[in-house]
Amino acid sequence: MDLVYLGGVPEAGKTLIGKSINPKFDFIKYINGGVRKHALAREIYKKDLSVLNQKESQRINGLFLDEIIEADFSNKLVLIDSHYTCPLKNRSFVRLIPERLMDNLGMYILVCASPDIIVNRRVSAGKLGIKTNLEFVKMELLKEEEDARKLSRGFLESIDNSLPLDLAVDNLEGILRRRFPDYFNVA
């Protein structure tokens, strides 16, 4: 099993790209982190994931990653759709990946899009307030990239999801082929 962290800010397109590449290859296992982490937050803290503090958020992310590491995904390339950082109510950001789990992640892929596109996607999804403020989104993108670079230890690639979906998925496939050729050589 090899773990690939597919990160990016909300509405960057991680889920769409991850779900689009998953059916193309039977050795790719796509996992939507948000779904499981929301359930863990409700189960453990009886709160929504979005209102957890820094310590609680890191604990939930650690439990989520522990579950994946302990699962039997032998001979699988596991794409974990999640975030590197999360904005808190005071506009600071918290890193979500616990230090103790960083060596388990074989690669980090940052899904990006222009701030304008992200704001438009968020508005279309019905999100309002600070998360649709262009300056906030620019700050969020910078913080996400900064943390991704710190965490990746040289194994960071980016995908521009401002492109048409098929090109973004092709870019992801190319990145995975270069980093994990053994999976593709067998297929």
N, C-alpha and C. Protein backbone atom coordinates (compact mmCIF):
# COMPACT_ATOMS: atom_id res chain seq x y z
N MET A 1 0.85 -1.18 0.00
CA MET A 1 0.00 0.00 0.00
C MET A 1 0.89 1.24 0.00
N ASP A 2 0.53 2.15 -0.86
CA ASP A 2 1.17 3.47 -0.87
C ASP A 2 0.09 4.51 -0.68
N LEU A 3 0.38 5.50 0.17
CA LEU A 3 -0.59 6.53 0.49
C LEU A 3 -0.22 7.83 -0.21
N VAL A 4 -1.19 8.43 -0.88
CA VAL A 4 -1.03 9.72 -1.55
C VAL A 4 -2.05 10.67 -0.96
N TYR A 5 -1.58 11.77 -0.41
CA TYR A 5 -2.45 12.77 0.19
C TYR A 5 -2.83 13.78 -0.88
N LEU A 6 -4.08 13.79 -1.26
CA LEU A 6 -4.61 14.69 -2.28
C LEU A 6 -5.24 15.86 -1.55
N GLY A 7 -4.49 16.95 -1.44
CA GLY A 7 -4.93 18.09 -0.63
C GLY A 7 -5.29 19.29 -1.47
N GLY A 8 -5.81 20.28 -0.80
CA GLY A 8 -6.21 21.52 -1.44
C GLY A 8 -7.33 22.15 -0.64
N VAL A 9 -7.59 23.42 -0.90
CA VAL A 9 -8.65 24.11 -0.17
C VAL A 9 -10.01 23.60 -0.63
N PRO A 10 -11.05 23.84 0.18
CA PRO A 10 -12.39 23.45 -0.24
C PRO A 10 -12.76 24.07 -1.59
N GLU A 11 -13.35 23.27 -2.44
CA GLU A 11 -13.78 23.63 -3.80
C GLU A 11 -12.63 23.76 -4.80
N ALA A 12 -11.44 23.27 -4.43
CA ALA A 12 -10.33 23.25 -5.40
C ALA A 12 -10.56 22.15 -6.44
N GLY A 13 -11.29 21.09 -6.05
CA GLY A 13 -11.59 20.02 -7.00
C GLY A 13 -10.99 18.68 -6.66
N LYS A 14 -10.54 18.50 -5.41
CA LYS A 14 -9.92 17.23 -5.00
C LYS A 14 -10.87 16.05 -5.22
N THR A 15 -12.08 16.20 -4.76
CA THR A 15 -13.05 15.10 -4.82
C THR A 15 -13.39 14.74 -6.26
N LEU A 16 -13.63 15.74 -7.07
CA LEU A 16 -13.97 15.49 -8.48
C LEU A 16 -12.83 14.77 -9.20
N ILE A 17 -11.62 15.21 -9.00
CA ILE A 17 -10.47 14.57 -9.65
C ILE A 17 -10.26 13.17 -9.10
N GLY A 18 -10.31 13.02 -7.77
CA GLY A 18 -10.11 11.71 -7.15
C GLY A 18 -11.15 10.70 -7.58
N LYS A 19 -12.41 11.11 -7.59
CA LYS A 19 -13.48 10.21 -8.02
C LYS A 19 -13.39 9.90 -9.51
N SER A 20 -12.83 10.81 -10.29
CA SER A 20 -12.72 10.59 -11.73
C SER A 20 -11.61 9.62 -12.10
N ILE A 21 -10.52 9.61 -11.35
CA ILE A 21 -9.43 8.69 -11.69
C ILE A 21 -9.66 7.30 -11.09
N ASN A 22 -10.37 7.23 -9.98
CA ASN A 22 -10.57 5.96 -9.28
C ASN A 22 -11.08 4.83 -10.17
N PRO A 23 -12.12 5.01 -10.99
CA PRO A 23 -12.63 3.89 -11.79
C PRO A 23 -11.71 3.49 -12.95
N LYS A 24 -10.76 4.32 -13.28
CA LYS A 24 -9.87 4.00 -14.40
C LYS A 24 -8.89 2.87 -14.07
N PHE A 25 -8.59 2.69 -12.78
CA PHE A 25 -7.57 1.72 -12.37
C PHE A 25 -8.05 0.96 -11.15
N ASP A 26 -8.06 -0.36 -11.23
CA ASP A 26 -8.56 -1.15 -10.11
C ASP A 26 -7.61 -1.15 -8.91
N PHE A 27 -6.38 -0.71 -9.08
CA PHE A 27 -5.43 -0.67 -7.96
C PHE A 27 -5.46 0.66 -7.22
N ILE A 28 -6.28 1.61 -7.66
CA ILE A 28 -6.41 2.89 -6.97
C ILE A 28 -7.63 2.83 -6.06
N LYS A 29 -7.41 3.15 -4.80
CA LYS A 29 -8.49 3.24 -3.82
C LYS A 29 -8.62 4.70 -3.42
N TYR A 30 -9.75 5.30 -3.73
CA TYR A 30 -10.01 6.69 -3.40
C TYR A 30 -10.79 6.74 -2.09
N ILE A 31 -10.33 7.59 -1.16
CA ILE A 31 -11.01 7.75 0.12
C ILE A 31 -11.30 9.23 0.35
N ASN A 32 -12.57 9.56 0.52
CA ASN A 32 -12.97 10.93 0.80
C ASN A 32 -12.83 11.16 2.30
N GLY A 33 -11.83 11.93 2.69
CA GLY A 33 -11.56 12.17 4.10
C GLY A 33 -12.67 12.92 4.81
N GLY A 34 -13.31 13.84 4.13
CA GLY A 34 -14.34 14.64 4.77
C GLY A 34 -15.48 13.82 5.33
N VAL A 35 -15.92 12.83 4.58
CA VAL A 35 -17.05 12.00 5.01
C VAL A 35 -16.71 11.29 6.32
N ARG A 36 -15.56 10.63 6.36
CA ARG A 36 -15.19 9.87 7.55
C ARG A 36 -14.87 10.79 8.73
N LYS A 37 -14.17 11.90 8.46
CA LYS A 37 -13.79 12.80 9.55
C LYS A 37 -15.01 13.48 10.16
N HIS A 38 -16.02 13.81 9.36
CA HIS A 38 -17.26 14.38 9.90
C HIS A 38 -17.92 13.37 10.85
N ALA A 39 -17.93 12.10 10.43
CA ALA A 39 -18.53 11.06 11.27
C ALA A 39 -17.74 10.88 12.58
N LEU A 40 -16.42 10.88 12.49
CA LEU A 40 -15.59 10.76 13.70
C LEU A 40 -15.82 11.93 14.65
N ALA A 41 -15.93 13.14 14.12
CA ALA A 41 -16.14 14.32 14.96
C ALA A 41 -17.48 14.22 15.70
N ARG A 42 -18.51 13.77 15.00
CA ARG A 42 -19.82 13.62 15.65
C ARG A 42 -19.78 12.50 16.69
N GLU A 43 -19.09 11.43 16.37
CA GLU A 43 -19.01 10.28 17.27
C GLU A 43 -18.22 10.60 18.54
N ILE A 44 -17.07 11.25 18.39
CA ILE A 44 -16.17 11.48 19.52
C ILE A 44 -16.51 12.76 20.29
N TYR A 45 -16.76 13.85 19.58
CA TYR A 45 -16.97 15.14 20.23
C TYR A 45 -18.42 15.61 20.23
N LYS A 46 -19.28 14.89 19.53
CA LYS A 46 -20.69 15.29 19.42
C LYS A 46 -20.83 16.68 18.82
N LYS A 47 -19.88 17.01 17.92
CA LYS A 47 -19.86 18.32 17.27
C LYS A 47 -19.58 18.13 15.78
N ASP A 48 -19.91 19.16 15.02
CA ASP A 48 -19.57 19.15 13.60
C ASP A 48 -18.07 19.38 13.46
N LEU A 49 -17.49 18.78 12.45
CA LEU A 49 -16.06 18.91 12.18
C LEU A 49 -15.64 20.37 12.06
N SER A 50 -16.49 21.20 11.49
CA SER A 50 -16.14 22.60 11.22
C SER A 50 -16.00 23.45 12.48
N VAL A 51 -16.48 22.97 13.64
CA VAL A 51 -16.38 23.78 14.86
C VAL A 51 -15.34 23.24 15.85
N LEU A 52 -14.57 22.25 15.45
CA LEU A 52 -13.56 21.70 16.34
C LEU A 52 -12.39 22.67 16.50
N ASN A 53 -11.74 22.63 17.64
CA ASN A 53 -10.55 23.45 17.83
C ASN A 53 -9.34 22.72 17.23
N GLN A 54 -8.17 23.36 17.34
CA GLN A 54 -6.96 22.82 16.71
C GLN A 54 -6.63 21.41 17.22
N LYS A 55 -6.64 21.23 18.51
CA LYS A 55 -6.28 19.93 19.09
C LYS A 55 -7.28 18.85 18.65
N GLU A 56 -8.56 19.18 18.68
CA GLU A 56 -9.60 18.23 18.28
C GLU A 56 -9.48 17.88 16.79
N SER A 57 -9.22 18.90 15.96
CA SER A 57 -9.08 18.67 14.51
C SER A 57 -7.91 17.75 14.21
N GLN A 58 -6.79 18.00 14.88
CA GLN A 58 -5.62 17.15 14.66
C GLN A 58 -5.89 15.72 15.13
N ARG A 59 -6.59 15.59 16.24
CA ARG A 59 -6.91 14.24 16.74
C ARG A 59 -7.79 13.49 15.74
N ILE A 60 -8.81 14.16 15.21
CA ILE A 60 -9.71 13.51 14.24
C ILE A 60 -8.92 13.11 13.00
N ASN A 61 -8.08 14.00 12.51
CA ASN A 61 -7.29 13.67 11.32
C ASN A 61 -6.35 12.50 11.61
N GLY A 62 -5.76 12.47 12.80
CA GLY A 62 -4.88 11.36 13.17
C GLY A 62 -5.64 10.04 13.24
N LEU A 63 -6.82 10.05 13.84
CA LEU A 63 -7.63 8.83 13.92
C LEU A 63 -8.02 8.34 12.53
N PHE A 64 -8.39 9.29 11.67
CA PHE A 64 -8.75 8.97 10.29
C PHE A 64 -7.58 8.31 9.56
N LEU A 65 -6.40 8.91 9.67
CA LEU A 65 -5.22 8.34 9.00
C LEU A 65 -4.81 7.00 9.61
N ASP A 66 -4.95 6.87 10.92
CA ASP A 66 -4.68 5.58 11.57
C ASP A 66 -5.57 4.48 11.00
N GLU A 67 -6.84 4.79 10.80
CA GLU A 67 -7.77 3.80 10.24
C GLU A 67 -7.30 3.33 8.86
N ILE A 68 -6.84 4.27 8.05
CA ILE A 68 -6.38 3.92 6.70
C ILE A 68 -5.13 3.07 6.78
N ILE A 69 -4.19 3.46 7.63
CA ILE A 69 -2.93 2.73 7.75
C ILE A 69 -3.18 1.30 8.24
N GLU A 70 -4.13 1.15 9.14
CA GLU A 70 -4.44 -0.17 9.70
C GLU A 70 -5.30 -1.03 8.77
N ALA A 71 -5.95 -0.43 7.80
CA ALA A 71 -6.82 -1.18 6.88
C ALA A 71 -5.98 -2.03 5.93
N ASP A 72 -6.61 -3.05 5.39
CA ASP A 72 -5.91 -3.93 4.45
C ASP A 72 -6.12 -3.43 3.02
N PHE A 73 -5.24 -2.55 2.60
CA PHE A 73 -5.26 -2.06 1.23
C PHE A 73 -4.00 -2.53 0.52
N SER A 74 -3.63 -3.79 0.73
CA SER A 74 -2.42 -4.31 0.10
C SER A 74 -2.57 -4.22 -1.41
N ASN A 75 -1.46 -3.93 -2.06
CA ASN A 75 -1.40 -3.77 -3.51
C ASN A 75 -2.31 -2.66 -4.02
N LYS A 76 -2.54 -1.66 -3.20
CA LYS A 76 -3.38 -0.52 -3.59
C LYS A 76 -2.59 0.78 -3.48
N LEU A 77 -2.90 1.66 -4.37
CA LEU A 77 -2.44 3.04 -4.33
C LEU A 77 -3.62 3.81 -3.75
N VAL A 78 -3.48 4.29 -2.53
CA VAL A 78 -4.60 4.91 -1.82
C VAL A 78 -4.51 6.43 -1.94
N LEU A 79 -5.54 7.03 -2.54
CA LEU A 79 -5.65 8.48 -2.65
C LEU A 79 -6.52 8.97 -1.51
N ILE A 80 -5.95 9.77 -0.63
CA ILE A 80 -6.68 10.33 0.51
C ILE A 80 -7.05 11.76 0.18
N ASP A 81 -8.33 12.02 0.02
CA ASP A 81 -8.85 13.35 -0.29
C ASP A 81 -9.08 14.08 1.02
N SER A 82 -8.25 15.09 1.30
CA SER A 82 -8.37 15.81 2.56
C SER A 82 -7.74 17.19 2.41
N HIS A 83 -7.44 17.80 3.54
CA HIS A 83 -6.84 19.13 3.56
C HIS A 83 -5.54 19.08 4.34
N TYR A 84 -4.60 19.94 3.95
CA TYR A 84 -3.35 20.07 4.70
C TYR A 84 -3.57 20.97 5.91
N THR A 85 -4.34 22.02 5.70
CA THR A 85 -4.61 22.98 6.76
C THR A 85 -6.11 23.24 6.82
N CYS A 86 -6.52 23.87 7.90
CA CYS A 86 -7.92 24.21 8.07
C CYS A 86 -8.01 25.58 8.72
N PRO A 87 -8.83 26.49 8.17
CA PRO A 87 -8.97 27.80 8.82
C PRO A 87 -9.80 27.69 10.09
N LEU A 88 -9.35 28.39 11.12
CA LEU A 88 -10.10 28.46 12.36
C LEU A 88 -10.89 29.77 12.38
N LYS A 89 -11.80 29.89 13.32
CA LYS A 89 -12.67 31.07 13.36
C LYS A 89 -11.90 32.38 13.51
N ASN A 90 -10.72 32.35 14.14
CA ASN A 90 -9.94 33.57 14.33
C ASN A 90 -9.05 33.88 13.12
N ARG A 91 -9.29 33.17 12.02
CA ARG A 91 -8.58 33.35 10.75
C ARG A 91 -7.16 32.81 10.77
N SER A 92 -6.78 32.12 11.83
CA SER A 92 -5.50 31.42 11.80
C SER A 92 -5.75 30.05 11.15
N PHE A 93 -4.69 29.33 10.88
CA PHE A 93 -4.81 28.04 10.21
C PHE A 93 -4.13 26.97 11.05
N VAL A 94 -4.68 25.78 11.02
CA VAL A 94 -4.12 24.67 11.76
C VAL A 94 -3.69 23.58 10.77
N ARG A 95 -2.50 23.02 11.01
CA ARG A 95 -2.04 21.89 10.20
C ARG A 95 -2.78 20.66 10.68
N LEU A 96 -3.28 19.86 9.77
CA LEU A 96 -4.12 18.72 10.12
C LEU A 96 -3.39 17.39 10.22
N ILE A 97 -2.26 17.25 9.58
CA ILE A 97 -1.58 15.96 9.57
C ILE A 97 -0.66 15.86 10.79
N PRO A 98 -0.94 14.93 11.69
CA PRO A 98 -0.08 14.78 12.87
C PRO A 98 1.34 14.39 12.46
N GLU A 99 2.31 14.95 13.14
CA GLU A 99 3.73 14.71 12.86
C GLU A 99 4.05 13.21 12.83
N ARG A 100 3.46 12.44 13.73
CA ARG A 100 3.77 11.02 13.85
C ARG A 100 3.34 10.20 12.63
N LEU A 101 2.49 10.77 11.78
CA LEU A 101 2.00 10.03 10.62
C LEU A 101 2.62 10.46 9.30
N MET A 102 3.45 11.47 9.34
CA MET A 102 3.96 12.04 8.09
C MET A 102 4.79 11.05 7.28
N ASP A 103 5.54 10.18 7.94
CA ASP A 103 6.37 9.23 7.20
C ASP A 103 5.56 8.15 6.51
N ASN A 104 4.29 7.99 6.87
CA ASN A 104 3.44 6.99 6.22
C ASN A 104 2.92 7.46 4.86
N LEU A 105 3.03 8.74 4.61
CA LEU A 105 2.49 9.30 3.37
C LEU A 105 3.59 9.36 2.31
N GLY A 106 3.35 8.69 1.19
CA GLY A 106 4.37 8.57 0.16
C GLY A 106 4.45 9.75 -0.78
N MET A 107 3.40 10.55 -0.84
CA MET A 107 3.40 11.68 -1.75
C MET A 107 2.26 12.62 -1.39
N TYR A 108 2.48 13.88 -1.67
CA TYR A 108 1.47 14.91 -1.46
C TYR A 108 1.17 15.53 -2.83
N ILE A 109 -0.09 15.64 -3.14
CA ILE A 109 -0.50 16.30 -4.38
C ILE A 109 -1.43 17.43 -3.98
N LEU A 110 -1.08 18.63 -4.39
CA LEU A 110 -1.86 19.82 -4.08
C LEU A 110 -2.73 20.15 -5.29
N VAL A 111 -4.04 20.10 -5.10
CA VAL A 111 -4.98 20.47 -6.15
C VAL A 111 -5.25 21.96 -6.01
N CYS A 112 -4.99 22.70 -7.08
CA CYS A 112 -5.09 24.16 -7.06
C CYS A 112 -6.10 24.63 -8.10
N ALA A 113 -6.58 25.82 -7.91
CA ALA A 113 -7.39 26.53 -8.89
C ALA A 113 -7.21 28.01 -8.57
N SER A 114 -7.57 28.86 -9.48
CA SER A 114 -7.41 30.29 -9.22
C SER A 114 -8.38 30.72 -8.12
N PRO A 115 -8.02 31.76 -7.37
CA PRO A 115 -8.92 32.24 -6.31
C PRO A 115 -10.32 32.58 -6.83
N ASP A 116 -10.39 33.19 -8.01
CA ASP A 116 -11.70 33.54 -8.58
C ASP A 116 -12.55 32.30 -8.82
N ILE A 117 -11.95 31.26 -9.36
CA ILE A 117 -12.68 30.02 -9.64
C ILE A 117 -13.16 29.40 -8.33
N ILE A 118 -12.31 29.39 -7.31
CA ILE A 118 -12.71 28.81 -6.02
C ILE A 118 -13.87 29.59 -5.41
N VAL A 119 -13.78 30.91 -5.44
CA VAL A 119 -14.89 31.72 -4.91
C VAL A 119 -16.17 31.41 -5.68
N ASN A 120 -16.11 31.35 -6.99
CA ASN A 120 -17.31 31.05 -7.80
C ASN A 120 -17.87 29.67 -7.47
N ARG A 121 -17.00 28.68 -7.29
CA ARG A 121 -17.47 27.34 -6.92
C ARG A 121 -18.14 27.35 -5.56
N ARG A 122 -17.57 28.08 -4.62
CA ARG A 122 -18.15 28.14 -3.28
C ARG A 122 -19.51 28.83 -3.28
N VAL A 123 -19.62 29.92 -4.03
CA VAL A 123 -20.90 30.61 -4.14
C VAL A 123 -21.93 29.68 -4.78
N SER A 124 -21.54 28.99 -5.84
CA SER A 124 -22.45 28.04 -6.50
C SER A 124 -22.88 26.92 -5.57
N ALA A 125 -22.01 26.55 -4.63
CA ALA A 125 -22.33 25.49 -3.67
C ALA A 125 -23.13 26.02 -2.48
N GLY A 126 -23.43 27.33 -2.49
CA GLY A 126 -24.24 27.90 -1.42
C GLY A 126 -23.46 28.35 -0.20
N LYS A 127 -22.15 28.40 -0.30
CA LYS A 127 -21.34 28.84 0.84
C LYS A 127 -21.27 30.37 0.82
N LEU A 128 -21.37 30.95 1.99
CA LEU A 128 -21.38 32.41 2.10
C LEU A 128 -20.37 32.86 3.14
N GLY A 129 -20.25 34.14 3.32
CA GLY A 129 -19.39 34.69 4.36
C GLY A 129 -17.93 34.75 3.96
N ILE A 130 -17.07 34.62 4.97
CA ILE A 130 -15.64 34.79 4.78
C ILE A 130 -15.08 33.83 3.74
N LYS A 131 -15.64 32.66 3.64
CA LYS A 131 -15.10 31.66 2.72
C LYS A 131 -15.31 32.05 1.25
N THR A 132 -16.09 33.08 0.99
CA THR A 132 -16.25 33.56 -0.39
C THR A 132 -15.60 34.93 -0.58
N ASN A 133 -14.85 35.38 0.41
CA ASN A 133 -14.10 36.61 0.29
C ASN A 133 -12.80 36.33 -0.47
N LEU A 134 -12.58 37.04 -1.56
CA LEU A 134 -11.44 36.78 -2.44
C LEU A 134 -10.11 36.88 -1.70
N GLU A 135 -9.95 37.86 -0.83
CA GLU A 135 -8.69 38.01 -0.09
C GLU A 135 -8.48 36.84 0.87
N PHE A 136 -9.55 36.39 1.51
CA PHE A 136 -9.45 35.23 2.39
C PHE A 136 -9.03 33.99 1.59
N VAL A 137 -9.63 33.80 0.43
CA VAL A 137 -9.30 32.63 -0.40
C VAL A 137 -7.84 32.69 -0.84
N LYS A 138 -7.36 33.86 -1.20
CA LYS A 138 -5.94 34.00 -1.57
C LYS A 138 -5.04 33.60 -0.40
N MET A 139 -5.39 34.08 0.81
CA MET A 139 -4.61 33.74 2.00
C MET A 139 -4.69 32.23 2.26
N GLU A 140 -5.87 31.66 2.11
CA GLU A 140 -6.08 30.23 2.33
C GLU A 140 -5.23 29.40 1.36
N LEU A 141 -5.21 29.80 0.09
CA LEU A 141 -4.40 29.10 -0.91
C LEU A 141 -2.91 29.18 -0.58
N LEU A 142 -2.45 30.35 -0.17
CA LEU A 142 -1.03 30.50 0.18
C LEU A 142 -0.67 29.64 1.38
N LYS A 143 -1.53 29.62 2.39
CA LYS A 143 -1.25 28.83 3.59
C LYS A 143 -1.28 27.34 3.27
N GLU A 144 -2.21 26.91 2.45
CA GLU A 144 -2.31 25.50 2.07
C GLU A 144 -1.04 25.07 1.33
N GLU A 145 -0.59 25.90 0.39
CA GLU A 145 0.62 25.56 -0.36
C GLU A 145 1.85 25.58 0.55
N GLU A 146 1.93 26.57 1.42
CA GLU A 146 3.07 26.66 2.34
C GLU A 146 3.16 25.41 3.21
N ASP A 147 2.03 24.99 3.78
CA ASP A 147 2.04 23.80 4.64
C ASP A 147 2.30 22.54 3.82
N ALA A 148 1.77 22.46 2.62
CA ALA A 148 2.01 21.29 1.77
C ALA A 148 3.51 21.17 1.47
N ARG A 149 4.14 22.29 1.19
CA ARG A 149 5.59 22.26 0.91
C ARG A 149 6.39 21.81 2.15
N LYS A 150 5.99 22.29 3.32
CA LYS A 150 6.68 21.90 4.55
C LYS A 150 6.51 20.40 4.82
N LEU A 151 5.31 19.90 4.61
CA LEU A 151 4.99 18.52 4.96
C LEU A 151 5.53 17.50 3.97
N SER A 152 5.67 17.90 2.73
CA SER A 152 5.91 16.93 1.66
C SER A 152 7.33 16.38 1.62
N ARG A 153 8.28 17.04 2.21
CA ARG A 153 9.67 16.58 2.20
C ARG A 153 10.16 16.24 0.78
N GLY A 154 9.77 17.07 -0.17
CA GLY A 154 10.24 16.88 -1.54
C GLY A 154 9.33 16.05 -2.42
N PHE A 155 8.26 15.50 -1.87
CA PHE A 155 7.34 14.68 -2.66
C PHE A 155 6.02 15.42 -2.89
N LEU A 156 6.11 16.64 -3.39
CA LEU A 156 4.93 17.45 -3.65
C LEU A 156 4.81 17.73 -5.14
N GLU A 157 3.63 17.51 -5.65
CA GLU A 157 3.28 17.88 -7.02
C GLU A 157 2.00 18.70 -6.94
N SER A 158 1.74 19.48 -7.97
CA SER A 158 0.52 20.29 -8.03
C SER A 158 -0.27 19.96 -9.29
N ILE A 159 -1.57 20.06 -9.16
CA ILE A 159 -2.47 19.90 -10.31
C ILE A 159 -3.32 21.15 -10.39
N ASP A 160 -3.36 21.76 -11.56
CA ASP A 160 -4.18 22.95 -11.77
C ASP A 160 -5.58 22.50 -12.19
N ASN A 161 -6.53 22.65 -11.29
CA ASN A 161 -7.90 22.26 -11.61
C ASN A 161 -8.71 23.41 -12.19
N SER A 162 -8.00 24.42 -12.70
CA SER A 162 -8.67 25.45 -13.48
C SER A 162 -8.84 24.93 -14.91
N LEU A 163 -8.09 23.87 -15.21
CA LEU A 163 -8.15 23.24 -16.53
C LEU A 163 -9.41 22.40 -16.64
N PRO A 164 -9.77 21.98 -17.86
CA PRO A 164 -10.88 21.03 -17.99
C PRO A 164 -10.58 19.75 -17.19
N LEU A 165 -11.63 19.12 -16.68
CA LEU A 165 -11.48 17.97 -15.80
C LEU A 165 -10.64 16.87 -16.42
N ASP A 166 -10.84 16.55 -17.69
CA ASP A 166 -10.08 15.45 -18.29
C ASP A 166 -8.58 15.74 -18.29
N LEU A 167 -8.20 16.99 -18.46
CA LEU A 167 -6.77 17.35 -18.41
C LEU A 167 -6.23 17.25 -16.98
N ALA A 168 -7.01 17.68 -16.00
CA ALA A 168 -6.58 17.57 -14.61
C ALA A 168 -6.41 16.10 -14.20
N VAL A 169 -7.34 15.24 -14.64
CA VAL A 169 -7.24 13.81 -14.33
C VAL A 169 -6.03 13.20 -15.05
N ASP A 170 -5.80 13.60 -16.30
CA ASP A 170 -4.61 13.13 -17.02
C ASP A 170 -3.33 13.56 -16.30
N ASN A 171 -3.32 14.79 -15.77
CA ASN A 171 -2.15 15.27 -15.02
C ASN A 171 -1.94 14.42 -13.77
N LEU A 172 -3.01 14.10 -13.06
CA LEU A 172 -2.90 13.26 -11.87
C LEU A 172 -2.36 11.88 -12.26
N GLU A 173 -2.90 11.31 -13.30
CA GLU A 173 -2.41 10.00 -13.75
C GLU A 173 -0.91 10.05 -14.08
N GLY A 174 -0.48 11.10 -14.77
CA GLY A 174 0.94 11.23 -15.11
C GLY A 174 1.82 11.33 -13.87
N ILE A 175 1.38 12.10 -12.89
CA ILE A 175 2.13 12.23 -11.64
C ILE A 175 2.24 10.87 -10.95
N LEU A 176 1.13 10.15 -10.85
CA LEU A 176 1.13 8.85 -10.19
C LEU A 176 1.98 7.84 -10.96
N ARG A 177 1.94 7.87 -12.27
CA ARG A 177 2.76 6.95 -13.08
C ARG A 177 4.25 7.19 -12.84
N ARG A 178 4.65 8.46 -12.74
CA ARG A 178 6.07 8.77 -12.51
C ARG A 178 6.51 8.36 -11.12
N ARG A 179 5.69 8.59 -10.12
CA ARG A 179 6.08 8.32 -8.73
C ARG A 179 5.91 6.85 -8.34
N PHE A 180 4.91 6.18 -8.91
CA PHE A 180 4.60 4.80 -8.54
C PHE A 180 4.47 3.92 -9.80
N PRO A 181 5.54 3.80 -10.60
CA PRO A 181 5.43 3.09 -11.87
C PRO A 181 5.07 1.61 -11.74
N ASP A 182 5.43 0.99 -10.65
CA ASP A 182 5.15 -0.46 -10.51
C ASP A 182 3.67 -0.78 -10.58
N TYR A 183 2.83 0.09 -10.06
CA TYR A 183 1.39 -0.17 -10.14
C TYR A 183 0.92 -0.17 -11.59
N PHE A 184 1.44 0.74 -12.37
CA PHE A 184 0.98 0.90 -13.75
C PHE A 184 1.60 -0.12 -14.68
N ASN A 185 2.81 -0.58 -14.36
CA ASN A 185 3.47 -1.57 -15.22
C ASN A 185 2.79 -2.93 -15.15
N VAL A 186 2.11 -3.22 -14.05
CA VAL A 186 1.40 -4.48 -13.88
C VAL A 186 0.06 -4.43 -14.58
N ALA A 187 -0.57 -3.26 -14.56
CA ALA A 187 -1.93 -3.12 -15.09
C ALA A 187 -2.01 -3.36 -16.57
